[in-house]
Amino acid sequence: MKNLPQKVRSKKLSSRVDLTAMVSVSFLLIIFFMLVGELSKSKIMEFGRPDCIDEDQRRGCYMTDENRNMTILLDDNDRIITYTGLLFVPIDSPKEVGYGKNGIRKKIFERNKKVLEYSAQLGKPNNGLIVVIKPSKKSNYGNLVEILDEMKIAGINTYSVVDDFTPEEAKLLASN
């Protein structure tokens, strides 16, 4: 018998697949989606929301006590107009004051002292003055810096710089 040519057998390749790259990509995708999910949640910081002093139908719980509010309006030519409470029913009517220790600083100290006494009567001794600073478009940056310095000197921790005026405040600035 003749030798028949033998069939050439193909070399069997390994059936193992290297999954190292797939695992790396999987972990990167998991981390990416966890991060995106966490960052997409809205994060809100409560700002200037005081404690309830009393709950009644007129004020509700989330409205500030008018006795604690002081508004400082900054205008051109180094003018400052202050009032306490709400403009249409002010506790202290609008007055023009100057800068310095005998002007705005004295006014802030006096008002903060009254507010602390008032808050102590209500059983909340650490509730001090809330100051809203409203610089007009005509005021300069130096005036804003001076008012912020006065807040630091007077120890006022709750203040806000707001750039929108009510129509009544705009009339008040225009009239003086």
N, C-alpha and C. Protein backbone atom coordinates (compact mmCIF):
# COMPACT_ATOMS: atom_id res chain seq x y z
N MET A 1 0.81 -1.17 0.00
CA MET A 1 0.00 0.00 0.00
C MET A 1 0.86 1.24 0.00
N LYS A 2 0.35 2.06 -0.73
CA LYS A 2 1.09 3.29 -0.84
C LYS A 2 0.75 4.19 0.32
N ASN A 3 1.70 4.92 0.60
CA ASN A 3 1.45 5.90 1.65
C ASN A 3 0.62 7.05 1.09
N LEU A 4 -0.49 7.16 1.63
CA LEU A 4 -1.37 8.25 1.23
C LEU A 4 -0.91 9.53 1.94
N PRO A 5 -1.01 10.57 1.22
CA PRO A 5 -0.62 11.80 1.91
C PRO A 5 -1.56 12.08 3.08
N GLN A 6 -0.98 12.39 4.13
CA GLN A 6 -1.79 12.66 5.32
C GLN A 6 -2.37 14.06 5.22
N LYS A 7 -3.53 14.15 5.80
CA LYS A 7 -4.17 15.46 5.81
C LYS A 7 -3.38 16.39 6.72
N VAL A 8 -3.24 17.59 6.25
CA VAL A 8 -2.56 18.57 7.08
C VAL A 8 -3.60 19.14 8.03
N ARG A 9 -3.32 18.91 9.25
CA ARG A 9 -4.26 19.42 10.25
C ARG A 9 -3.95 20.88 10.53
N SER A 10 -5.02 21.67 10.60
CA SER A 10 -4.81 23.07 10.93
C SER A 10 -4.51 23.20 12.41
N LYS A 11 -3.72 24.16 12.68
CA LYS A 11 -3.33 24.37 14.07
C LYS A 11 -4.51 24.96 14.82
N LYS A 12 -4.85 24.37 15.90
CA LYS A 12 -5.97 24.86 16.70
C LYS A 12 -5.51 26.07 17.48
N LEU A 13 -6.24 27.17 17.28
CA LEU A 13 -5.93 28.40 18.01
C LEU A 13 -6.62 28.38 19.36
N SER A 14 -6.05 29.11 20.24
CA SER A 14 -6.63 29.19 21.57
C SER A 14 -7.97 29.90 21.50
N SER A 15 -8.93 29.40 22.19
CA SER A 15 -10.26 30.00 22.18
C SER A 15 -10.42 31.04 23.29
N ARG A 16 -9.37 31.36 23.97
CA ARG A 16 -9.42 32.34 25.05
C ARG A 16 -9.33 33.74 24.47
N VAL A 17 -10.19 34.62 24.98
CA VAL A 17 -10.19 36.01 24.55
C VAL A 17 -9.69 36.86 25.73
N ASP A 18 -8.79 37.75 25.45
CA ASP A 18 -8.26 38.61 26.50
C ASP A 18 -9.27 39.73 26.77
N LEU A 19 -9.85 39.74 27.97
CA LEU A 19 -10.90 40.70 28.33
C LEU A 19 -10.38 41.86 29.17
N THR A 20 -9.10 42.02 29.27
CA THR A 20 -8.53 43.07 30.10
C THR A 20 -9.00 44.45 29.65
N ALA A 21 -8.96 44.70 28.36
CA ALA A 21 -9.38 46.01 27.85
C ALA A 21 -10.87 46.22 28.09
N MET A 22 -11.67 45.18 27.94
CA MET A 22 -13.11 45.29 28.14
C MET A 22 -13.43 45.62 29.60
N VAL A 23 -12.72 45.03 30.52
CA VAL A 23 -12.94 45.31 31.94
C VAL A 23 -12.56 46.76 32.25
N SER A 24 -11.48 47.23 31.70
CA SER A 24 -11.06 48.61 31.92
C SER A 24 -12.10 49.59 31.41
N VAL A 25 -12.59 49.35 30.21
CA VAL A 25 -13.61 50.22 29.63
C VAL A 25 -14.88 50.18 30.47
N SER A 26 -15.24 49.00 30.96
CA SER A 26 -16.45 48.86 31.79
C SER A 26 -16.33 49.69 33.05
N PHE A 27 -15.19 49.62 33.72
CA PHE A 27 -15.02 50.39 34.94
C PHE A 27 -15.03 51.89 34.65
N LEU A 28 -14.43 52.29 33.56
CA LEU A 28 -14.47 53.71 33.20
C LEU A 28 -15.89 54.18 32.94
N LEU A 29 -16.68 53.37 32.26
CA LEU A 29 -18.08 53.74 32.00
C LEU A 29 -18.89 53.80 33.29
N ILE A 30 -18.68 52.86 34.18
CA ILE A 30 -19.39 52.86 35.47
C ILE A 30 -19.05 54.13 36.24
N ILE A 31 -17.77 54.44 36.32
CA ILE A 31 -17.35 55.64 37.04
C ILE A 31 -17.92 56.89 36.39
N PHE A 32 -17.90 56.94 35.05
CA PHE A 32 -18.43 58.10 34.34
C PHE A 32 -19.91 58.31 34.65
N PHE A 33 -20.71 57.25 34.57
CA PHE A 33 -22.14 57.41 34.81
C PHE A 33 -22.47 57.70 36.26
N MET A 34 -21.68 57.16 37.18
CA MET A 34 -21.89 57.51 38.60
C MET A 34 -21.59 58.99 38.82
N LEU A 35 -20.53 59.48 38.23
CA LEU A 35 -20.16 60.88 38.38
C LEU A 35 -21.20 61.79 37.74
N VAL A 36 -21.63 61.47 36.53
CA VAL A 36 -22.63 62.28 35.85
C VAL A 36 -23.94 62.28 36.63
N GLY A 37 -24.32 61.14 37.16
CA GLY A 37 -25.55 61.06 37.95
C GLY A 37 -25.48 61.91 39.20
N GLU A 38 -24.32 61.94 39.84
CA GLU A 38 -24.17 62.73 41.05
C GLU A 38 -24.14 64.22 40.73
N LEU A 39 -23.48 64.59 39.65
CA LEU A 39 -23.37 66.00 39.29
C LEU A 39 -24.67 66.56 38.72
N SER A 40 -25.51 65.70 38.20
CA SER A 40 -26.76 66.20 37.59
C SER A 40 -27.84 66.49 38.65
N LYS A 41 -27.64 66.03 39.86
CA LYS A 41 -28.59 66.34 40.93
C LYS A 41 -28.47 67.83 41.26
N SER A 42 -29.60 68.48 41.42
CA SER A 42 -29.55 69.91 41.74
C SER A 42 -29.14 70.09 43.19
N LYS A 43 -28.26 71.02 43.38
CA LYS A 43 -27.79 71.33 44.73
C LYS A 43 -28.18 72.77 45.02
N ILE A 44 -28.99 72.96 46.03
CA ILE A 44 -29.51 74.28 46.36
C ILE A 44 -29.05 74.64 47.77
N MET A 45 -28.55 75.85 47.89
CA MET A 45 -28.15 76.34 49.20
C MET A 45 -29.20 77.35 49.65
N GLU A 46 -29.68 77.17 50.86
CA GLU A 46 -30.64 78.12 51.41
C GLU A 46 -29.90 79.42 51.68
N PHE A 47 -30.45 80.50 51.17
CA PHE A 47 -29.79 81.79 51.29
C PHE A 47 -30.73 82.79 51.92
N GLY A 48 -30.36 83.32 53.04
CA GLY A 48 -31.11 84.39 53.64
C GLY A 48 -32.51 84.01 54.09
N ARG A 49 -32.71 82.76 54.42
CA ARG A 49 -34.02 82.34 54.85
C ARG A 49 -34.03 82.28 56.37
N PRO A 50 -34.66 83.22 57.02
CA PRO A 50 -34.58 83.30 58.48
C PRO A 50 -35.49 82.28 59.15
N ASP A 51 -35.27 82.15 60.43
CA ASP A 51 -36.15 81.31 61.24
C ASP A 51 -37.50 81.99 61.37
N CYS A 52 -38.51 81.19 61.67
CA CYS A 52 -39.84 81.77 61.90
C CYS A 52 -39.82 82.50 63.24
N ILE A 53 -40.29 83.71 63.23
CA ILE A 53 -40.44 84.42 64.49
C ILE A 53 -41.83 84.14 65.03
N ASP A 54 -42.80 84.28 64.19
CA ASP A 54 -44.14 83.85 64.53
C ASP A 54 -44.85 83.51 63.23
N GLU A 55 -45.76 82.61 63.33
CA GLU A 55 -46.50 82.22 62.14
C GLU A 55 -47.88 82.84 62.21
N ASP A 56 -48.16 83.71 61.29
CA ASP A 56 -49.51 84.23 61.17
C ASP A 56 -49.85 84.28 59.68
N GLN A 57 -51.09 84.58 59.38
CA GLN A 57 -51.51 84.53 57.99
C GLN A 57 -50.88 85.64 57.16
N ARG A 58 -50.56 86.75 57.77
CA ARG A 58 -50.00 87.87 57.01
C ARG A 58 -48.56 87.59 56.57
N ARG A 59 -47.77 87.08 57.48
CA ARG A 59 -46.35 86.88 57.21
C ARG A 59 -46.01 85.48 56.76
N GLY A 60 -46.59 84.50 57.38
CA GLY A 60 -46.17 83.13 57.10
C GLY A 60 -44.85 82.85 57.79
N CYS A 61 -44.30 81.72 57.51
CA CYS A 61 -43.08 81.30 58.19
C CYS A 61 -41.82 81.80 57.50
N TYR A 62 -41.85 82.01 56.22
CA TYR A 62 -40.62 82.26 55.50
C TYR A 62 -40.34 83.73 55.24
N MET A 63 -41.17 84.60 55.72
CA MET A 63 -40.95 86.02 55.50
C MET A 63 -40.14 86.60 56.66
N THR A 64 -39.19 87.44 56.34
CA THR A 64 -38.35 87.99 57.39
C THR A 64 -39.12 88.99 58.23
N ASP A 65 -38.65 89.18 59.41
CA ASP A 65 -39.24 90.17 60.31
C ASP A 65 -38.76 91.55 59.86
N GLU A 66 -39.69 92.45 59.61
CA GLU A 66 -39.33 93.78 59.10
C GLU A 66 -38.43 94.55 60.06
N ASN A 67 -38.52 94.24 61.34
CA ASN A 67 -37.69 94.94 62.33
C ASN A 67 -36.21 94.65 62.11
N ARG A 68 -35.89 93.51 61.52
CA ARG A 68 -34.49 93.12 61.32
C ARG A 68 -33.92 93.61 59.99
N ASN A 69 -34.76 94.09 59.08
CA ASN A 69 -34.30 94.48 57.75
C ASN A 69 -33.86 95.94 57.71
N MET A 70 -32.68 96.16 57.14
CA MET A 70 -32.20 97.51 56.87
C MET A 70 -31.70 97.52 55.43
N THR A 71 -32.14 98.51 54.67
CA THR A 71 -31.73 98.62 53.27
C THR A 71 -30.85 99.84 53.11
N ILE A 72 -29.74 99.65 52.40
CA ILE A 72 -28.80 100.73 52.12
C ILE A 72 -28.75 100.92 50.62
N LEU A 73 -29.15 102.11 50.17
CA LEU A 73 -29.11 102.45 48.75
C LEU A 73 -27.89 103.31 48.48
N LEU A 74 -27.05 102.90 47.54
CA LEU A 74 -25.85 103.66 47.19
C LEU A 74 -26.11 104.38 45.88
N ASP A 75 -25.78 105.66 45.85
CA ASP A 75 -25.99 106.46 44.64
C ASP A 75 -24.71 107.21 44.31
N ASP A 76 -24.76 107.99 43.23
CA ASP A 76 -23.56 108.73 42.83
C ASP A 76 -23.26 109.85 43.83
N ASN A 77 -22.09 110.44 43.70
CA ASN A 77 -21.62 111.52 44.58
C ASN A 77 -21.58 111.09 46.04
N ASP A 78 -21.23 109.85 46.29
CA ASP A 78 -21.07 109.30 47.65
C ASP A 78 -22.32 109.44 48.51
N ARG A 79 -23.48 109.32 47.91
CA ARG A 79 -24.74 109.42 48.66
C ARG A 79 -25.17 108.04 49.14
N ILE A 80 -25.64 108.00 50.37
CA ILE A 80 -26.20 106.78 50.95
C ILE A 80 -27.57 107.13 51.51
N ILE A 81 -28.56 106.33 51.14
CA ILE A 81 -29.90 106.48 51.70
C ILE A 81 -30.24 105.17 52.39
N THR A 82 -30.67 105.25 53.63
CA THR A 82 -31.02 104.05 54.38
C THR A 82 -32.46 104.13 54.86
N TYR A 83 -33.06 102.97 55.00
CA TYR A 83 -34.36 102.85 55.66
C TYR A 83 -34.45 101.48 56.29
N THR A 84 -35.31 101.37 57.28
CA THR A 84 -35.49 100.11 57.99
C THR A 84 -36.91 99.63 57.77
N GLY A 85 -37.05 98.33 57.60
CA GLY A 85 -38.36 97.75 57.34
C GLY A 85 -38.65 97.75 55.85
N LEU A 86 -39.93 97.87 55.53
CA LEU A 86 -40.35 97.93 54.14
C LEU A 86 -40.54 99.37 53.74
N LEU A 87 -40.26 99.71 52.50
CA LEU A 87 -40.29 101.10 52.07
C LEU A 87 -41.67 101.71 52.16
N PHE A 88 -42.72 100.94 51.88
CA PHE A 88 -44.07 101.51 51.93
C PHE A 88 -44.61 101.61 53.35
N VAL A 89 -44.04 100.90 54.32
CA VAL A 89 -44.35 101.06 55.75
C VAL A 89 -43.04 100.98 56.53
N PRO A 90 -42.20 102.02 56.44
CA PRO A 90 -40.88 101.93 57.07
C PRO A 90 -40.95 102.07 58.58
N ILE A 91 -40.05 101.39 59.24
CA ILE A 91 -39.88 101.56 60.68
C ILE A 91 -39.07 102.82 60.92
N ASP A 92 -37.96 102.97 60.19
CA ASP A 92 -37.20 104.22 60.14
C ASP A 92 -37.34 104.75 58.72
N SER A 93 -37.86 105.94 58.57
CA SER A 93 -38.09 106.49 57.24
C SER A 93 -36.75 106.72 56.53
N PRO A 94 -36.76 106.79 55.20
CA PRO A 94 -35.51 106.96 54.44
C PRO A 94 -34.78 108.24 54.83
N LYS A 95 -33.48 108.08 55.08
CA LYS A 95 -32.63 109.22 55.46
C LYS A 95 -31.33 109.12 54.69
N GLU A 96 -30.80 110.28 54.37
CA GLU A 96 -29.49 110.31 53.72
C GLU A 96 -28.43 110.44 54.80
N VAL A 97 -27.43 109.58 54.75
CA VAL A 97 -26.33 109.60 55.71
C VAL A 97 -25.02 109.60 54.94
N GLY A 98 -23.95 109.93 55.64
CA GLY A 98 -22.64 109.94 55.00
C GLY A 98 -21.83 108.72 55.40
N TYR A 99 -20.65 108.63 54.85
CA TYR A 99 -19.74 107.55 55.19
C TYR A 99 -19.01 107.89 56.48
N GLY A 100 -18.37 106.89 57.09
CA GLY A 100 -17.53 107.12 58.25
C GLY A 100 -18.18 106.71 59.55
N LYS A 101 -17.42 106.93 60.61
CA LYS A 101 -17.88 106.44 61.91
C LYS A 101 -19.06 107.23 62.47
N ASN A 102 -19.25 108.47 62.07
CA ASN A 102 -20.40 109.24 62.55
C ASN A 102 -21.57 109.19 61.58
N GLY A 103 -21.41 108.50 60.48
CA GLY A 103 -22.47 108.39 59.48
C GLY A 103 -23.09 107.00 59.49
N ILE A 104 -22.77 106.24 58.46
CA ILE A 104 -23.40 104.93 58.27
C ILE A 104 -23.02 103.94 59.36
N ARG A 105 -21.79 104.00 59.82
CA ARG A 105 -21.36 103.06 60.86
C ARG A 105 -22.17 103.25 62.14
N LYS A 106 -22.38 104.50 62.54
CA LYS A 106 -23.17 104.80 63.73
C LYS A 106 -24.61 104.30 63.56
N LYS A 107 -25.17 104.53 62.37
CA LYS A 107 -26.54 104.11 62.09
C LYS A 107 -26.66 102.58 62.17
N ILE A 108 -25.68 101.87 61.60
CA ILE A 108 -25.70 100.40 61.62
C ILE A 108 -25.57 99.89 63.05
N PHE A 109 -24.64 100.45 63.83
CA PHE A 109 -24.47 100.02 65.23
C PHE A 109 -25.76 100.23 66.03
N GLU A 110 -26.37 101.41 65.88
CA GLU A 110 -27.60 101.71 66.63
C GLU A 110 -28.71 100.73 66.25
N ARG A 111 -28.89 100.51 64.95
CA ARG A 111 -29.98 99.63 64.51
C ARG A 111 -29.72 98.19 64.94
N ASN A 112 -28.48 97.74 64.84
CA ASN A 112 -28.16 96.37 65.25
C ASN A 112 -28.41 96.19 66.75
N LYS A 113 -28.10 97.20 67.55
CA LYS A 113 -28.35 97.12 68.99
C LYS A 113 -29.85 96.97 69.26
N LYS A 114 -30.68 97.77 68.57
CA LYS A 114 -32.13 97.66 68.74
C LYS A 114 -32.65 96.29 68.32
N VAL A 115 -32.12 95.78 67.21
CA VAL A 115 -32.57 94.47 66.70
C VAL A 115 -32.18 93.36 67.67
N LEU A 116 -30.98 93.43 68.21
CA LEU A 116 -30.55 92.40 69.17
C LEU A 116 -31.41 92.43 70.43
N GLU A 117 -31.76 93.63 70.90
CA GLU A 117 -32.65 93.73 72.06
C GLU A 117 -34.03 93.16 71.74
N TYR A 118 -34.53 93.50 70.57
CA TYR A 118 -35.84 93.00 70.11
C TYR A 118 -35.82 91.47 70.00
N SER A 119 -34.75 90.92 69.42
CA SER A 119 -34.64 89.47 69.25
C SER A 119 -34.51 88.76 70.58
N ALA A 120 -33.82 89.40 71.52
CA ALA A 120 -33.67 88.79 72.85
C ALA A 120 -35.02 88.69 73.55
N GLN A 121 -35.90 89.67 73.32
CA GLN A 121 -37.24 89.62 73.91
C GLN A 121 -38.05 88.47 73.32
N LEU A 122 -37.77 88.14 72.07
CA LEU A 122 -38.48 87.03 71.43
C LEU A 122 -37.86 85.67 71.75
N GLY A 123 -36.75 85.67 72.48
CA GLY A 123 -36.10 84.42 72.85
C GLY A 123 -35.09 83.94 71.82
N LYS A 124 -34.69 84.81 70.90
CA LYS A 124 -33.69 84.45 69.90
C LYS A 124 -32.58 85.50 69.95
N PRO A 125 -31.69 85.39 70.94
CA PRO A 125 -30.73 86.47 71.20
C PRO A 125 -29.68 86.67 70.11
N ASN A 126 -29.45 85.73 69.25
CA ASN A 126 -28.39 85.87 68.24
C ASN A 126 -28.90 86.33 66.88
N ASN A 127 -30.18 86.66 66.77
CA ASN A 127 -30.71 87.13 65.50
C ASN A 127 -30.45 88.61 65.36
N GLY A 128 -29.44 88.94 64.58
CA GLY A 128 -29.06 90.34 64.41
C GLY A 128 -29.67 90.96 63.17
N LEU A 129 -29.11 92.04 62.78
CA LEU A 129 -29.58 92.85 61.67
C LEU A 129 -29.34 92.14 60.34
N ILE A 130 -30.30 92.28 59.41
CA ILE A 130 -30.16 91.80 58.04
C ILE A 130 -30.06 93.04 57.16
N VAL A 131 -28.96 93.20 56.44
CA VAL A 131 -28.73 94.39 55.63
C VAL A 131 -28.78 94.01 54.16
N VAL A 132 -29.55 94.78 53.40
CA VAL A 132 -29.61 94.63 51.95
C VAL A 132 -28.94 95.86 51.35
N ILE A 133 -27.85 95.64 50.63
CA ILE A 133 -27.08 96.73 50.01
C ILE A 133 -27.46 96.78 48.54
N LYS A 134 -27.91 97.95 48.09
CA LYS A 134 -28.33 98.10 46.70
C LYS A 134 -27.55 99.23 46.04
N PRO A 135 -26.47 98.91 45.34
CA PRO A 135 -25.74 99.96 44.64
C PRO A 135 -26.44 100.30 43.32
N SER A 136 -26.57 101.59 43.05
CA SER A 136 -27.18 101.99 41.78
C SER A 136 -26.14 101.91 40.67
N LYS A 137 -26.59 102.07 39.46
CA LYS A 137 -25.67 102.03 38.32
C LYS A 137 -24.73 103.24 38.34
N LYS A 138 -25.13 104.31 39.03
CA LYS A 138 -24.31 105.52 39.10
C LYS A 138 -23.28 105.46 40.21
N SER A 139 -23.45 104.56 41.18
CA SER A 139 -22.49 104.49 42.29
C SER A 139 -21.18 103.88 41.79
N ASN A 140 -20.12 104.15 42.52
CA ASN A 140 -18.83 103.60 42.11
C ASN A 140 -18.45 102.41 42.98
N TYR A 141 -17.45 101.69 42.50
CA TYR A 141 -17.01 100.47 43.17
C TYR A 141 -16.44 100.76 44.56
N GLY A 142 -15.79 101.89 44.71
CA GLY A 142 -15.20 102.26 46.00
C GLY A 142 -16.26 102.40 47.09
N ASN A 143 -17.43 102.93 46.73
CA ASN A 143 -18.51 103.07 47.71
C ASN A 143 -18.99 101.70 48.18
N LEU A 144 -19.09 100.76 47.26
CA LEU A 144 -19.51 99.40 47.64
C LEU A 144 -18.48 98.76 48.57
N VAL A 145 -17.21 98.95 48.26
CA VAL A 145 -16.15 98.40 49.12
C VAL A 145 -16.22 99.02 50.51
N GLU A 146 -16.47 100.32 50.58
CA GLU A 146 -16.57 100.99 51.89
C GLU A 146 -17.74 100.45 52.70
N ILE A 147 -18.87 100.21 52.05
CA ILE A 147 -20.03 99.66 52.77
C ILE A 147 -19.73 98.25 53.25
N LEU A 148 -19.07 97.45 52.43
CA LEU A 148 -18.72 96.09 52.86
C LEU A 148 -17.74 96.13 54.03
N ASP A 149 -16.84 97.10 54.02
CA ASP A 149 -15.93 97.28 55.17
C ASP A 149 -16.72 97.65 56.43
N GLU A 150 -17.73 98.49 56.27
CA GLU A 150 -18.57 98.87 57.42
C GLU A 150 -19.31 97.65 57.98
N MET A 151 -19.74 96.74 57.11
CA MET A 151 -20.41 95.52 57.57
C MET A 151 -19.45 94.70 58.43
N LYS A 152 -18.21 94.61 57.99
CA LYS A 152 -17.20 93.85 58.73
C LYS A 152 -16.91 94.52 60.07
N ILE A 153 -16.75 95.85 60.07
CA ILE A 153 -16.45 96.58 61.30
C ILE A 153 -17.60 96.46 62.29
N ALA A 154 -18.84 96.56 61.80
CA ALA A 154 -20.00 96.52 62.68
C ALA A 154 -20.36 95.09 63.11
N GLY A 155 -19.71 94.10 62.51
CA GLY A 155 -19.99 92.71 62.88
C GLY A 155 -21.31 92.20 62.32
N ILE A 156 -21.75 92.74 61.19
CA ILE A 156 -22.98 92.28 60.55
C ILE A 156 -22.64 91.07 59.69
N ASN A 157 -23.18 89.92 60.04
CA ASN A 157 -22.88 88.70 59.31
C ASN A 157 -23.88 88.40 58.21
N THR A 158 -25.07 88.97 58.30
CA THR A 158 -26.12 88.68 57.33
C THR A 158 -26.37 89.91 56.49
N TYR A 159 -25.77 89.90 55.31
CA TYR A 159 -26.00 91.01 54.38
C TYR A 159 -25.95 90.46 52.96
N SER A 160 -26.53 91.22 52.07
CA SER A 160 -26.60 90.81 50.68
C SER A 160 -26.45 92.02 49.79
N VAL A 161 -25.77 91.84 48.66
CA VAL A 161 -25.64 92.90 47.66
C VAL A 161 -26.59 92.56 46.52
N VAL A 162 -27.54 93.44 46.27
CA VAL A 162 -28.59 93.22 45.27
C VAL A 162 -28.53 94.36 44.27
N ASP A 163 -28.72 94.05 42.99
CA ASP A 163 -28.61 95.11 42.00
C ASP A 163 -29.94 95.54 41.40
N ASP A 164 -31.04 95.06 41.92
CA ASP A 164 -32.33 95.49 41.37
C ASP A 164 -33.06 96.39 42.35
N PHE A 165 -33.60 97.47 41.82
CA PHE A 165 -34.32 98.45 42.62
C PHE A 165 -35.81 98.30 42.36
N THR A 166 -36.60 98.52 43.39
CA THR A 166 -38.04 98.60 43.19
C THR A 166 -38.33 99.97 42.58
N PRO A 167 -39.47 100.14 41.94
CA PRO A 167 -39.80 101.46 41.39
C PRO A 167 -39.82 102.55 42.46
N GLU A 168 -40.28 102.20 43.66
CA GLU A 168 -40.31 103.18 44.75
C GLU A 168 -38.90 103.62 45.13
N GLU A 169 -37.96 102.66 45.16
CA GLU A 169 -36.58 103.01 45.50
C GLU A 169 -35.95 103.86 44.41
N ALA A 170 -36.27 103.57 43.16
CA ALA A 170 -35.74 104.39 42.07
C ALA A 170 -36.27 105.83 42.17
N LYS A 171 -37.55 105.97 42.52
CA LYS A 171 -38.11 107.32 42.71
C LYS A 171 -37.44 108.02 43.88
N LEU A 172 -37.17 107.27 44.94
CA LEU A 172 -36.52 107.84 46.13
C LEU A 172 -35.12 108.36 45.77
N LEU A 173 -34.36 107.59 45.00
CA LEU A 173 -33.04 108.06 44.58
C LEU A 173 -33.13 109.26 43.66
N ALA A 174 -34.11 109.26 42.77
CA ALA A 174 -34.25 110.37 41.83
C ALA A 174 -34.71 111.65 42.52
N SER A 175 -35.51 111.53 43.57
CA SER A 175 -36.05 112.72 44.24
C SER A 175 -35.01 113.44 45.08
N ASN A 176 -34.04 112.71 45.60
CA ASN A 176 -33.05 113.36 46.47
C ASN A 176 -31.95 113.96 45.67
